[in-house]
Amino acid sequence: SDLPVMEKACKFLDDMQVPFEVNAL
């Protein structure tokens, strides 16, 4: 349920070409 907020981080990291993981923990 936090993904709609965290998508902004994912997009920025993607734009910066920084590999990342996304996990629900």
PDBML (XML) file of the C-alpha atoms, coordinates in Angstrom:
<?xml version="1.0" encoding="UTF-8" ?>
<PDBx:datablock datablockName="MODEL"
   xmlns:PDBx="http://pdbml.pdb.org/schema/pdbx-v50.xsd"
   xmlns:xsi="http://www.w3.org/2001/XMLSchema-instance"
   xsi:schemaLocation="http://pdbml.pdb.org/schema/pdbx-v50.xsd pdbx-v50.xsd">
   <PDBx:atom_siteCategory>
      <PDBx:atom_site id="1">
         <PDBx:B_iso_or_equiv>0.00</PDBx:B_iso_or_equiv>
         <PDBx:Cartn_x>0.000</PDBx:Cartn_x>
         <PDBx:Cartn_y>0.000</PDBx:Cartn_y>
         <PDBx:Cartn_z>0.000</PDBx:Cartn_z>
         <PDBx:auth_asym_id>A</PDBx:auth_asym_id>
         <PDBx:auth_atom_id>CA</PDBx:auth_atom_id>
         <PDBx:auth_comp_id>SER</PDBx:auth_comp_id>
         <PDBx:auth_seq_id>1</PDBx:auth_seq_id>
         <PDBx:group_PDB>ATOM</PDBx:group_PDB>
         <PDBx:label_alt_id xsi:nil="true" />
         <PDBx:label_asym_id>A</PDBx:label_asym_id>
         <PDBx:label_atom_id>CA</PDBx:label_atom_id>
         <PDBx:label_comp_id>SER</PDBx:label_comp_id>
         <PDBx:label_entity_id>1</PDBx:label_entity_id>
         <PDBx:label_seq_id>1</PDBx:label_seq_id>
         <PDBx:occupancy>1.00</PDBx:occupancy>
         <PDBx:pdbx_PDB_model_num>1</PDBx:pdbx_PDB_model_num>
         <PDBx:type_symbol>C</PDBx:type_symbol>
      </PDBx:atom_site>
      <PDBx:atom_site id="2">
         <PDBx:B_iso_or_equiv>0.00</PDBx:B_iso_or_equiv>
         <PDBx:Cartn_x>3.094</PDBx:Cartn_x>
         <PDBx:Cartn_y>2.254</PDBx:Cartn_y>
         <PDBx:Cartn_z>0.281</PDBx:Cartn_z>
         <PDBx:auth_asym_id>A</PDBx:auth_asym_id>
         <PDBx:auth_atom_id>CA</PDBx:auth_atom_id>
         <PDBx:auth_comp_id>ASP</PDBx:auth_comp_id>
         <PDBx:auth_seq_id>2</PDBx:auth_seq_id>
         <PDBx:group_PDB>ATOM</PDBx:group_PDB>
         <PDBx:label_alt_id xsi:nil="true" />
         <PDBx:label_asym_id>A</PDBx:label_asym_id>
         <PDBx:label_atom_id>CA</PDBx:label_atom_id>
         <PDBx:label_comp_id>ASP</PDBx:label_comp_id>
         <PDBx:label_entity_id>1</PDBx:label_entity_id>
         <PDBx:label_seq_id>2</PDBx:label_seq_id>
         <PDBx:occupancy>1.00</PDBx:occupancy>
         <PDBx:pdbx_PDB_model_num>1</PDBx:pdbx_PDB_model_num>
         <PDBx:type_symbol>C</PDBx:type_symbol>
      </PDBx:atom_site>
      <PDBx:atom_site id="3">
         <PDBx:B_iso_or_equiv>0.00</PDBx:B_iso_or_equiv>
         <PDBx:Cartn_x>3.978</PDBx:Cartn_x>
         <PDBx:Cartn_y>1.730</PDBx:Cartn_y>
         <PDBx:Cartn_z>-3.391</PDBx:Cartn_z>
         <PDBx:auth_asym_id>A</PDBx:auth_asym_id>
         <PDBx:auth_atom_id>CA</PDBx:auth_atom_id>
         <PDBx:auth_comp_id>LEU</PDBx:auth_comp_id>
         <PDBx:auth_seq_id>3</PDBx:auth_seq_id>
         <PDBx:group_PDB>ATOM</PDBx:group_PDB>
         <PDBx:label_alt_id xsi:nil="true" />
         <PDBx:label_asym_id>A</PDBx:label_asym_id>
         <PDBx:label_atom_id>CA</PDBx:label_atom_id>
         <PDBx:label_comp_id>LEU</PDBx:label_comp_id>
         <PDBx:label_entity_id>1</PDBx:label_entity_id>
         <PDBx:label_seq_id>3</PDBx:label_seq_id>
         <PDBx:occupancy>1.00</PDBx:occupancy>
         <PDBx:pdbx_PDB_model_num>1</PDBx:pdbx_PDB_model_num>
         <PDBx:type_symbol>C</PDBx:type_symbol>
      </PDBx:atom_site>
      <PDBx:atom_site id="4">
         <PDBx:B_iso_or_equiv>0.00</PDBx:B_iso_or_equiv>
         <PDBx:Cartn_x>2.089</PDBx:Cartn_x>
         <PDBx:Cartn_y>4.766</PDBx:Cartn_y>
         <PDBx:Cartn_z>-4.752</PDBx:Cartn_z>
         <PDBx:auth_asym_id>A</PDBx:auth_asym_id>
         <PDBx:auth_atom_id>CA</PDBx:auth_atom_id>
         <PDBx:auth_comp_id>PRO</PDBx:auth_comp_id>
         <PDBx:auth_seq_id>4</PDBx:auth_seq_id>
         <PDBx:group_PDB>ATOM</PDBx:group_PDB>
         <PDBx:label_alt_id xsi:nil="true" />
         <PDBx:label_asym_id>A</PDBx:label_asym_id>
         <PDBx:label_atom_id>CA</PDBx:label_atom_id>
         <PDBx:label_comp_id>PRO</PDBx:label_comp_id>
         <PDBx:label_entity_id>1</PDBx:label_entity_id>
         <PDBx:label_seq_id>4</PDBx:label_seq_id>
         <PDBx:occupancy>1.00</PDBx:occupancy>
         <PDBx:pdbx_PDB_model_num>1</PDBx:pdbx_PDB_model_num>
         <PDBx:type_symbol>C</PDBx:type_symbol>
      </PDBx:atom_site>
      <PDBx:atom_site id="5">
         <PDBx:B_iso_or_equiv>0.00</PDBx:B_iso_or_equiv>
         <PDBx:Cartn_x>4.331</PDBx:Cartn_x>
         <PDBx:Cartn_y>6.976</PDBx:Cartn_y>
         <PDBx:Cartn_z>-2.586</PDBx:Cartn_z>
         <PDBx:auth_asym_id>A</PDBx:auth_asym_id>
         <PDBx:auth_atom_id>CA</PDBx:auth_atom_id>
         <PDBx:auth_comp_id>VAL</PDBx:auth_comp_id>
         <PDBx:auth_seq_id>5</PDBx:auth_seq_id>
         <PDBx:group_PDB>ATOM</PDBx:group_PDB>
         <PDBx:label_alt_id xsi:nil="true" />
         <PDBx:label_asym_id>A</PDBx:label_asym_id>
         <PDBx:label_atom_id>CA</PDBx:label_atom_id>
         <PDBx:label_comp_id>VAL</PDBx:label_comp_id>
         <PDBx:label_entity_id>1</PDBx:label_entity_id>
         <PDBx:label_seq_id>5</PDBx:label_seq_id>
         <PDBx:occupancy>1.00</PDBx:occupancy>
         <PDBx:pdbx_PDB_model_num>1</PDBx:pdbx_PDB_model_num>
         <PDBx:type_symbol>C</PDBx:type_symbol>
      </PDBx:atom_site>
      <PDBx:atom_site id="6">
         <PDBx:B_iso_or_equiv>0.00</PDBx:B_iso_or_equiv>
         <PDBx:Cartn_x>7.511</PDBx:Cartn_x>
         <PDBx:Cartn_y>4.992</PDBx:Cartn_y>
         <PDBx:Cartn_z>-3.184</PDBx:Cartn_z>
         <PDBx:auth_asym_id>A</PDBx:auth_asym_id>
         <PDBx:auth_atom_id>CA</PDBx:auth_atom_id>
         <PDBx:auth_comp_id>MET</PDBx:auth_comp_id>
         <PDBx:auth_seq_id>6</PDBx:auth_seq_id>
         <PDBx:group_PDB>ATOM</PDBx:group_PDB>
         <PDBx:label_alt_id xsi:nil="true" />
         <PDBx:label_asym_id>A</PDBx:label_asym_id>
         <PDBx:label_atom_id>CA</PDBx:label_atom_id>
         <PDBx:label_comp_id>MET</PDBx:label_comp_id>
         <PDBx:label_entity_id>1</PDBx:label_entity_id>
         <PDBx:label_seq_id>6</PDBx:label_seq_id>
         <PDBx:occupancy>1.00</PDBx:occupancy>
         <PDBx:pdbx_PDB_model_num>1</PDBx:pdbx_PDB_model_num>
         <PDBx:type_symbol>C</PDBx:type_symbol>
      </PDBx:atom_site>
      <PDBx:atom_site id="7">
         <PDBx:B_iso_or_equiv>0.00</PDBx:B_iso_or_equiv>
         <PDBx:Cartn_x>7.079</PDBx:Cartn_x>
         <PDBx:Cartn_y>5.013</PDBx:Cartn_y>
         <PDBx:Cartn_z>-6.968</PDBx:Cartn_z>
         <PDBx:auth_asym_id>A</PDBx:auth_asym_id>
         <PDBx:auth_atom_id>CA</PDBx:auth_atom_id>
         <PDBx:auth_comp_id>GLU</PDBx:auth_comp_id>
         <PDBx:auth_seq_id>7</PDBx:auth_seq_id>
         <PDBx:group_PDB>ATOM</PDBx:group_PDB>
         <PDBx:label_alt_id xsi:nil="true" />
         <PDBx:label_asym_id>A</PDBx:label_asym_id>
         <PDBx:label_atom_id>CA</PDBx:label_atom_id>
         <PDBx:label_comp_id>GLU</PDBx:label_comp_id>
         <PDBx:label_entity_id>1</PDBx:label_entity_id>
         <PDBx:label_seq_id>7</PDBx:label_seq_id>
         <PDBx:occupancy>1.00</PDBx:occupancy>
         <PDBx:pdbx_PDB_model_num>1</PDBx:pdbx_PDB_model_num>
         <PDBx:type_symbol>C</PDBx:type_symbol>
      </PDBx:atom_site>
      <PDBx:atom_site id="8">
         <PDBx:B_iso_or_equiv>0.00</PDBx:B_iso_or_equiv>
         <PDBx:Cartn_x>8.598</PDBx:Cartn_x>
         <PDBx:Cartn_y>8.505</PDBx:Cartn_y>
         <PDBx:Cartn_z>-6.968</PDBx:Cartn_z>
         <PDBx:auth_asym_id>A</PDBx:auth_asym_id>
         <PDBx:auth_atom_id>CA</PDBx:auth_atom_id>
         <PDBx:auth_comp_id>LYS</PDBx:auth_comp_id>
         <PDBx:auth_seq_id>8</PDBx:auth_seq_id>
         <PDBx:group_PDB>ATOM</PDBx:group_PDB>
         <PDBx:label_alt_id xsi:nil="true" />
         <PDBx:label_asym_id>A</PDBx:label_asym_id>
         <PDBx:label_atom_id>CA</PDBx:label_atom_id>
         <PDBx:label_comp_id>LYS</PDBx:label_comp_id>
         <PDBx:label_entity_id>1</PDBx:label_entity_id>
         <PDBx:label_seq_id>8</PDBx:label_seq_id>
         <PDBx:occupancy>1.00</PDBx:occupancy>
         <PDBx:pdbx_PDB_model_num>1</PDBx:pdbx_PDB_model_num>
         <PDBx:type_symbol>C</PDBx:type_symbol>
      </PDBx:atom_site>
      <PDBx:atom_site id="9">
         <PDBx:B_iso_or_equiv>0.00</PDBx:B_iso_or_equiv>
         <PDBx:Cartn_x>11.786</PDBx:Cartn_x>
         <PDBx:Cartn_y>7.082</PDBx:Cartn_y>
         <PDBx:Cartn_z>-5.454</PDBx:Cartn_z>
         <PDBx:auth_asym_id>A</PDBx:auth_asym_id>
         <PDBx:auth_atom_id>CA</PDBx:auth_atom_id>
         <PDBx:auth_comp_id>ALA</PDBx:auth_comp_id>
         <PDBx:auth_seq_id>9</PDBx:auth_seq_id>
         <PDBx:group_PDB>ATOM</PDBx:group_PDB>
         <PDBx:label_alt_id xsi:nil="true" />
         <PDBx:label_asym_id>A</PDBx:label_asym_id>
         <PDBx:label_atom_id>CA</PDBx:label_atom_id>
         <PDBx:label_comp_id>ALA</PDBx:label_comp_id>
         <PDBx:label_entity_id>1</PDBx:label_entity_id>
         <PDBx:label_seq_id>9</PDBx:label_seq_id>
         <PDBx:occupancy>1.00</PDBx:occupancy>
         <PDBx:pdbx_PDB_model_num>1</PDBx:pdbx_PDB_model_num>
         <PDBx:type_symbol>C</PDBx:type_symbol>
      </PDBx:atom_site>
      <PDBx:atom_site id="10">
         <PDBx:B_iso_or_equiv>0.00</PDBx:B_iso_or_equiv>
         <PDBx:Cartn_x>11.793</PDBx:Cartn_x>
         <PDBx:Cartn_y>4.220</PDBx:Cartn_y>
         <PDBx:Cartn_z>-7.952</PDBx:Cartn_z>
         <PDBx:auth_asym_id>A</PDBx:auth_asym_id>
         <PDBx:auth_atom_id>CA</PDBx:auth_atom_id>
         <PDBx:auth_comp_id>CYS</PDBx:auth_comp_id>
         <PDBx:auth_seq_id>10</PDBx:auth_seq_id>
         <PDBx:group_PDB>ATOM</PDBx:group_PDB>
         <PDBx:label_alt_id xsi:nil="true" />
         <PDBx:label_asym_id>A</PDBx:label_asym_id>
         <PDBx:label_atom_id>CA</PDBx:label_atom_id>
         <PDBx:label_comp_id>CYS</PDBx:label_comp_id>
         <PDBx:label_entity_id>1</PDBx:label_entity_id>
         <PDBx:label_seq_id>10</PDBx:label_seq_id>
         <PDBx:occupancy>1.00</PDBx:occupancy>
         <PDBx:pdbx_PDB_model_num>1</PDBx:pdbx_PDB_model_num>
         <PDBx:type_symbol>C</PDBx:type_symbol>
      </PDBx:atom_site>
      <PDBx:atom_site id="11">
         <PDBx:B_iso_or_equiv>0.00</PDBx:B_iso_or_equiv>
         <PDBx:Cartn_x>11.383</PDBx:Cartn_x>
         <PDBx:Cartn_y>6.613</PDBx:Cartn_y>
         <PDBx:Cartn_z>-10.871</PDBx:Cartn_z>
         <PDBx:auth_asym_id>A</PDBx:auth_asym_id>
         <PDBx:auth_atom_id>CA</PDBx:auth_atom_id>
         <PDBx:auth_comp_id>LYS</PDBx:auth_comp_id>
         <PDBx:auth_seq_id>11</PDBx:auth_seq_id>
         <PDBx:group_PDB>ATOM</PDBx:group_PDB>
         <PDBx:label_alt_id xsi:nil="true" />
         <PDBx:label_asym_id>A</PDBx:label_asym_id>
         <PDBx:label_atom_id>CA</PDBx:label_atom_id>
         <PDBx:label_comp_id>LYS</PDBx:label_comp_id>
         <PDBx:label_entity_id>1</PDBx:label_entity_id>
         <PDBx:label_seq_id>11</PDBx:label_seq_id>
         <PDBx:occupancy>1.00</PDBx:occupancy>
         <PDBx:pdbx_PDB_model_num>1</PDBx:pdbx_PDB_model_num>
         <PDBx:type_symbol>C</PDBx:type_symbol>
      </PDBx:atom_site>
      <PDBx:atom_site id="12">
         <PDBx:B_iso_or_equiv>0.00</PDBx:B_iso_or_equiv>
         <PDBx:Cartn_x>14.180</PDBx:Cartn_x>
         <PDBx:Cartn_y>8.885</PDBx:Cartn_y>
         <PDBx:Cartn_z>-9.664</PDBx:Cartn_z>
         <PDBx:auth_asym_id>A</PDBx:auth_asym_id>
         <PDBx:auth_atom_id>CA</PDBx:auth_atom_id>
         <PDBx:auth_comp_id>PHE</PDBx:auth_comp_id>
         <PDBx:auth_seq_id>12</PDBx:auth_seq_id>
         <PDBx:group_PDB>ATOM</PDBx:group_PDB>
         <PDBx:label_alt_id xsi:nil="true" />
         <PDBx:label_asym_id>A</PDBx:label_asym_id>
         <PDBx:label_atom_id>CA</PDBx:label_atom_id>
         <PDBx:label_comp_id>PHE</PDBx:label_comp_id>
         <PDBx:label_entity_id>1</PDBx:label_entity_id>
         <PDBx:label_seq_id>12</PDBx:label_seq_id>
         <PDBx:occupancy>1.00</PDBx:occupancy>
         <PDBx:pdbx_PDB_model_num>1</PDBx:pdbx_PDB_model_num>
         <PDBx:type_symbol>C</PDBx:type_symbol>
      </PDBx:atom_site>
      <PDBx:atom_site id="13">
         <PDBx:B_iso_or_equiv>0.00</PDBx:B_iso_or_equiv>
         <PDBx:Cartn_x>16.570</PDBx:Cartn_x>
         <PDBx:Cartn_y>5.967</PDBx:Cartn_y>
         <PDBx:Cartn_z>-9.109</PDBx:Cartn_z>
         <PDBx:auth_asym_id>A</PDBx:auth_asym_id>
         <PDBx:auth_atom_id>CA</PDBx:auth_atom_id>
         <PDBx:auth_comp_id>LEU</PDBx:auth_comp_id>
         <PDBx:auth_seq_id>13</PDBx:auth_seq_id>
         <PDBx:group_PDB>ATOM</PDBx:group_PDB>
         <PDBx:label_alt_id xsi:nil="true" />
         <PDBx:label_asym_id>A</PDBx:label_asym_id>
         <PDBx:label_atom_id>CA</PDBx:label_atom_id>
         <PDBx:label_comp_id>LEU</PDBx:label_comp_id>
         <PDBx:label_entity_id>1</PDBx:label_entity_id>
         <PDBx:label_seq_id>13</PDBx:label_seq_id>
         <PDBx:occupancy>1.00</PDBx:occupancy>
         <PDBx:pdbx_PDB_model_num>1</PDBx:pdbx_PDB_model_num>
         <PDBx:type_symbol>C</PDBx:type_symbol>
      </PDBx:atom_site>
      <PDBx:atom_site id="14">
         <PDBx:B_iso_or_equiv>0.00</PDBx:B_iso_or_equiv>
         <PDBx:Cartn_x>15.672</PDBx:Cartn_x>
         <PDBx:Cartn_y>4.646</PDBx:Cartn_y>
         <PDBx:Cartn_z>-12.549</PDBx:Cartn_z>
         <PDBx:auth_asym_id>A</PDBx:auth_asym_id>
         <PDBx:auth_atom_id>CA</PDBx:auth_atom_id>
         <PDBx:auth_comp_id>ASP</PDBx:auth_comp_id>
         <PDBx:auth_seq_id>14</PDBx:auth_seq_id>
         <PDBx:group_PDB>ATOM</PDBx:group_PDB>
         <PDBx:label_alt_id xsi:nil="true" />
         <PDBx:label_asym_id>A</PDBx:label_asym_id>
         <PDBx:label_atom_id>CA</PDBx:label_atom_id>
         <PDBx:label_comp_id>ASP</PDBx:label_comp_id>
         <PDBx:label_entity_id>1</PDBx:label_entity_id>
         <PDBx:label_seq_id>14</PDBx:label_seq_id>
         <PDBx:occupancy>1.00</PDBx:occupancy>
         <PDBx:pdbx_PDB_model_num>1</PDBx:pdbx_PDB_model_num>
         <PDBx:type_symbol>C</PDBx:type_symbol>
      </PDBx:atom_site>
      <PDBx:atom_site id="15">
         <PDBx:B_iso_or_equiv>0.00</PDBx:B_iso_or_equiv>
         <PDBx:Cartn_x>16.282</PDBx:Cartn_x>
         <PDBx:Cartn_y>8.081</PDBx:Cartn_y>
         <PDBx:Cartn_z>-14.116</PDBx:Cartn_z>
         <PDBx:auth_asym_id>A</PDBx:auth_asym_id>
         <PDBx:auth_atom_id>CA</PDBx:auth_atom_id>
         <PDBx:auth_comp_id>ASP</PDBx:auth_comp_id>
         <PDBx:auth_seq_id>15</PDBx:auth_seq_id>
         <PDBx:group_PDB>ATOM</PDBx:group_PDB>
         <PDBx:label_alt_id xsi:nil="true" />
         <PDBx:label_asym_id>A</PDBx:label_asym_id>
         <PDBx:label_atom_id>CA</PDBx:label_atom_id>
         <PDBx:label_comp_id>ASP</PDBx:label_comp_id>
         <PDBx:label_entity_id>1</PDBx:label_entity_id>
         <PDBx:label_seq_id>15</PDBx:label_seq_id>
         <PDBx:occupancy>1.00</PDBx:occupancy>
         <PDBx:pdbx_PDB_model_num>1</PDBx:pdbx_PDB_model_num>
         <PDBx:type_symbol>C</PDBx:type_symbol>
      </PDBx:atom_site>
      <PDBx:atom_site id="16">
         <PDBx:B_iso_or_equiv>0.00</PDBx:B_iso_or_equiv>
         <PDBx:Cartn_x>19.673</PDBx:Cartn_x>
         <PDBx:Cartn_y>8.220</PDBx:Cartn_y>
         <PDBx:Cartn_z>-12.373</PDBx:Cartn_z>
         <PDBx:auth_asym_id>A</PDBx:auth_asym_id>
         <PDBx:auth_atom_id>CA</PDBx:auth_atom_id>
         <PDBx:auth_comp_id>MET</PDBx:auth_comp_id>
         <PDBx:auth_seq_id>16</PDBx:auth_seq_id>
         <PDBx:group_PDB>ATOM</PDBx:group_PDB>
         <PDBx:label_alt_id xsi:nil="true" />
         <PDBx:label_asym_id>A</PDBx:label_asym_id>
         <PDBx:label_atom_id>CA</PDBx:label_atom_id>
         <PDBx:label_comp_id>MET</PDBx:label_comp_id>
         <PDBx:label_entity_id>1</PDBx:label_entity_id>
         <PDBx:label_seq_id>16</PDBx:label_seq_id>
         <PDBx:occupancy>1.00</PDBx:occupancy>
         <PDBx:pdbx_PDB_model_num>1</PDBx:pdbx_PDB_model_num>
         <PDBx:type_symbol>C</PDBx:type_symbol>
      </PDBx:atom_site>
      <PDBx:atom_site id="17">
         <PDBx:B_iso_or_equiv>0.00</PDBx:B_iso_or_equiv>
         <PDBx:Cartn_x>20.498</PDBx:Cartn_x>
         <PDBx:Cartn_y>4.709</PDBx:Cartn_y>
         <PDBx:Cartn_z>-13.677</PDBx:Cartn_z>
         <PDBx:auth_asym_id>A</PDBx:auth_asym_id>
         <PDBx:auth_atom_id>CA</PDBx:auth_atom_id>
         <PDBx:auth_comp_id>GLN</PDBx:auth_comp_id>
         <PDBx:auth_seq_id>17</PDBx:auth_seq_id>
         <PDBx:group_PDB>ATOM</PDBx:group_PDB>
         <PDBx:label_alt_id xsi:nil="true" />
         <PDBx:label_asym_id>A</PDBx:label_asym_id>
         <PDBx:label_atom_id>CA</PDBx:label_atom_id>
         <PDBx:label_comp_id>GLN</PDBx:label_comp_id>
         <PDBx:label_entity_id>1</PDBx:label_entity_id>
         <PDBx:label_seq_id>17</PDBx:label_seq_id>
         <PDBx:occupancy>1.00</PDBx:occupancy>
         <PDBx:pdbx_PDB_model_num>1</PDBx:pdbx_PDB_model_num>
         <PDBx:type_symbol>C</PDBx:type_symbol>
      </PDBx:atom_site>
      <PDBx:atom_site id="18">
         <PDBx:B_iso_or_equiv>0.00</PDBx:B_iso_or_equiv>
         <PDBx:Cartn_x>20.993</PDBx:Cartn_x>
         <PDBx:Cartn_y>3.401</PDBx:Cartn_y>
         <PDBx:Cartn_z>-10.134</PDBx:Cartn_z>
         <PDBx:auth_asym_id>A</PDBx:auth_asym_id>
         <PDBx:auth_atom_id>CA</PDBx:auth_atom_id>
         <PDBx:auth_comp_id>VAL</PDBx:auth_comp_id>
         <PDBx:auth_seq_id>18</PDBx:auth_seq_id>
         <PDBx:group_PDB>ATOM</PDBx:group_PDB>
         <PDBx:label_alt_id xsi:nil="true" />
         <PDBx:label_asym_id>A</PDBx:label_asym_id>
         <PDBx:label_atom_id>CA</PDBx:label_atom_id>
         <PDBx:label_comp_id>VAL</PDBx:label_comp_id>
         <PDBx:label_entity_id>1</PDBx:label_entity_id>
         <PDBx:label_seq_id>18</PDBx:label_seq_id>
         <PDBx:occupancy>1.00</PDBx:occupancy>
         <PDBx:pdbx_PDB_model_num>1</PDBx:pdbx_PDB_model_num>
         <PDBx:type_symbol>C</PDBx:type_symbol>
      </PDBx:atom_site>
      <PDBx:atom_site id="19">
         <PDBx:B_iso_or_equiv>0.00</PDBx:B_iso_or_equiv>
         <PDBx:Cartn_x>20.133</PDBx:Cartn_x>
         <PDBx:Cartn_y>-0.308</PDBx:Cartn_y>
         <PDBx:Cartn_z>-9.696</PDBx:Cartn_z>
         <PDBx:auth_asym_id>A</PDBx:auth_asym_id>
         <PDBx:auth_atom_id>CA</PDBx:auth_atom_id>
         <PDBx:auth_comp_id>PRO</PDBx:auth_comp_id>
         <PDBx:auth_seq_id>19</PDBx:auth_seq_id>
         <PDBx:group_PDB>ATOM</PDBx:group_PDB>
         <PDBx:label_alt_id xsi:nil="true" />
         <PDBx:label_asym_id>A</PDBx:label_asym_id>
         <PDBx:label_atom_id>CA</PDBx:label_atom_id>
         <PDBx:label_comp_id>PRO</PDBx:label_comp_id>
         <PDBx:label_entity_id>1</PDBx:label_entity_id>
         <PDBx:label_seq_id>19</PDBx:label_seq_id>
         <PDBx:occupancy>1.00</PDBx:occupancy>
         <PDBx:pdbx_PDB_model_num>1</PDBx:pdbx_PDB_model_num>
         <PDBx:type_symbol>C</PDBx:type_symbol>
      </PDBx:atom_site>
      <PDBx:atom_site id="20">
         <PDBx:B_iso_or_equiv>0.00</PDBx:B_iso_or_equiv>
         <PDBx:Cartn_x>17.687</PDBx:Cartn_x>
         <PDBx:Cartn_y>-0.886</PDBx:Cartn_y>
         <PDBx:Cartn_z>-6.836</PDBx:Cartn_z>
         <PDBx:auth_asym_id>A</PDBx:auth_asym_id>
         <PDBx:auth_atom_id>CA</PDBx:auth_atom_id>
         <PDBx:auth_comp_id>PHE</PDBx:auth_comp_id>
         <PDBx:auth_seq_id>20</PDBx:auth_seq_id>
         <PDBx:group_PDB>ATOM</PDBx:group_PDB>
         <PDBx:label_alt_id xsi:nil="true" />
         <PDBx:label_asym_id>A</PDBx:label_asym_id>
         <PDBx:label_atom_id>CA</PDBx:label_atom_id>
         <PDBx:label_comp_id>PHE</PDBx:label_comp_id>
         <PDBx:label_entity_id>1</PDBx:label_entity_id>
         <PDBx:label_seq_id>20</PDBx:label_seq_id>
         <PDBx:occupancy>1.00</PDBx:occupancy>
         <PDBx:pdbx_PDB_model_num>1</PDBx:pdbx_PDB_model_num>
         <PDBx:type_symbol>C</PDBx:type_symbol>
      </PDBx:atom_site>
      <PDBx:atom_site id="21">
         <PDBx:B_iso_or_equiv>0.00</PDBx:B_iso_or_equiv>
         <PDBx:Cartn_x>15.425</PDBx:Cartn_x>
         <PDBx:Cartn_y>-3.444</PDBx:Cartn_y>
         <PDBx:Cartn_z>-5.207</PDBx:Cartn_z>
         <PDBx:auth_asym_id>A</PDBx:auth_asym_id>
         <PDBx:auth_atom_id>CA</PDBx:auth_atom_id>
         <PDBx:auth_comp_id>GLU</PDBx:auth_comp_id>
         <PDBx:auth_seq_id>21</PDBx:auth_seq_id>
         <PDBx:group_PDB>ATOM</PDBx:group_PDB>
         <PDBx:label_alt_id xsi:nil="true" />
         <PDBx:label_asym_id>A</PDBx:label_asym_id>
         <PDBx:label_atom_id>CA</PDBx:label_atom_id>
         <PDBx:label_comp_id>GLU</PDBx:label_comp_id>
         <PDBx:label_entity_id>1</PDBx:label_entity_id>
         <PDBx:label_seq_id>21</PDBx:label_seq_id>
         <PDBx:occupancy>1.00</PDBx:occupancy>
         <PDBx:pdbx_PDB_model_num>1</PDBx:pdbx_PDB_model_num>
         <PDBx:type_symbol>C</PDBx:type_symbol>
      </PDBx:atom_site>
      <PDBx:atom_site id="22">
         <PDBx:B_iso_or_equiv>0.00</PDBx:B_iso_or_equiv>
         <PDBx:Cartn_x>11.821</PDBx:Cartn_x>
         <PDBx:Cartn_y>-3.015</PDBx:Cartn_y>
         <PDBx:Cartn_z>-4.122</PDBx:Cartn_z>
         <PDBx:auth_asym_id>A</PDBx:auth_asym_id>
         <PDBx:auth_atom_id>CA</PDBx:auth_atom_id>
         <PDBx:auth_comp_id>VAL</PDBx:auth_comp_id>
         <PDBx:auth_seq_id>22</PDBx:auth_seq_id>
         <PDBx:group_PDB>ATOM</PDBx:group_PDB>
         <PDBx:label_alt_id xsi:nil="true" />
         <PDBx:label_asym_id>A</PDBx:label_asym_id>
         <PDBx:label_atom_id>CA</PDBx:label_atom_id>
         <PDBx:label_comp_id>VAL</PDBx:label_comp_id>
         <PDBx:label_entity_id>1</PDBx:label_entity_id>
         <PDBx:label_seq_id>22</PDBx:label_seq_id>
         <PDBx:occupancy>1.00</PDBx:occupancy>
         <PDBx:pdbx_PDB_model_num>1</PDBx:pdbx_PDB_model_num>
         <PDBx:type_symbol>C</PDBx:type_symbol>
      </PDBx:atom_site>
      <PDBx:atom_site id="23">
         <PDBx:B_iso_or_equiv>0.00</PDBx:B_iso_or_equiv>
         <PDBx:Cartn_x>10.557</PDBx:Cartn_x>
         <PDBx:Cartn_y>-5.197</PDBx:Cartn_y>
         <PDBx:Cartn_z>-1.280</PDBx:Cartn_z>
         <PDBx:auth_asym_id>A</PDBx:auth_asym_id>
         <PDBx:auth_atom_id>CA</PDBx:auth_atom_id>
         <PDBx:auth_comp_id>ASN</PDBx:auth_comp_id>
         <PDBx:auth_seq_id>23</PDBx:auth_seq_id>
         <PDBx:group_PDB>ATOM</PDBx:group_PDB>
         <PDBx:label_alt_id xsi:nil="true" />
         <PDBx:label_asym_id>A</PDBx:label_asym_id>
         <PDBx:label_atom_id>CA</PDBx:label_atom_id>
         <PDBx:label_comp_id>ASN</PDBx:label_comp_id>
         <PDBx:label_entity_id>1</PDBx:label_entity_id>
         <PDBx:label_seq_id>23</PDBx:label_seq_id>
         <PDBx:occupancy>1.00</PDBx:occupancy>
         <PDBx:pdbx_PDB_model_num>1</PDBx:pdbx_PDB_model_num>
         <PDBx:type_symbol>C</PDBx:type_symbol>
      </PDBx:atom_site>
      <PDBx:atom_site id="24">
         <PDBx:B_iso_or_equiv>0.00</PDBx:B_iso_or_equiv>
         <PDBx:Cartn_x>7.533</PDBx:Cartn_x>
         <PDBx:Cartn_y>-5.312</PDBx:Cartn_y>
         <PDBx:Cartn_z>0.991</PDBx:Cartn_z>
         <PDBx:auth_asym_id>A</PDBx:auth_asym_id>
         <PDBx:auth_atom_id>CA</PDBx:auth_atom_id>
         <PDBx:auth_comp_id>ALA</PDBx:auth_comp_id>
         <PDBx:auth_seq_id>24</PDBx:auth_seq_id>
         <PDBx:group_PDB>ATOM</PDBx:group_PDB>
         <PDBx:label_alt_id xsi:nil="true" />
         <PDBx:label_asym_id>A</PDBx:label_asym_id>
         <PDBx:label_atom_id>CA</PDBx:label_atom_id>
         <PDBx:label_comp_id>ALA</PDBx:label_comp_id>
         <PDBx:label_entity_id>1</PDBx:label_entity_id>
         <PDBx:label_seq_id>24</PDBx:label_seq_id>
         <PDBx:occupancy>1.00</PDBx:occupancy>
         <PDBx:pdbx_PDB_model_num>1</PDBx:pdbx_PDB_model_num>
         <PDBx:type_symbol>C</PDBx:type_symbol>
      </PDBx:atom_site>
      <PDBx:atom_site id="25">
         <PDBx:B_iso_or_equiv>0.00</PDBx:B_iso_or_equiv>
         <PDBx:Cartn_x>8.808</PDBx:Cartn_x>
         <PDBx:Cartn_y>-6.198</PDBx:Cartn_y>
         <PDBx:Cartn_z>4.473</PDBx:Cartn_z>
         <PDBx:auth_asym_id>A</PDBx:auth_asym_id>
         <PDBx:auth_atom_id>CA</PDBx:auth_atom_id>
         <PDBx:auth_comp_id>LEU</PDBx:auth_comp_id>
         <PDBx:auth_seq_id>25</PDBx:auth_seq_id>
         <PDBx:group_PDB>ATOM</PDBx:group_PDB>
         <PDBx:label_alt_id xsi:nil="true" />
         <PDBx:label_asym_id>A</PDBx:label_asym_id>
         <PDBx:label_atom_id>CA</PDBx:label_atom_id>
         <PDBx:label_comp_id>LEU</PDBx:label_comp_id>
         <PDBx:label_entity_id>1</PDBx:label_entity_id>
         <PDBx:label_seq_id>25</PDBx:label_seq_id>
         <PDBx:occupancy>1.00</PDBx:occupancy>
         <PDBx:pdbx_PDB_model_num>1</PDBx:pdbx_PDB_model_num>
         <PDBx:type_symbol>C</PDBx:type_symbol>
      </PDBx:atom_site>
   </PDBx:atom_siteCategory>
</PDBx:datablock>
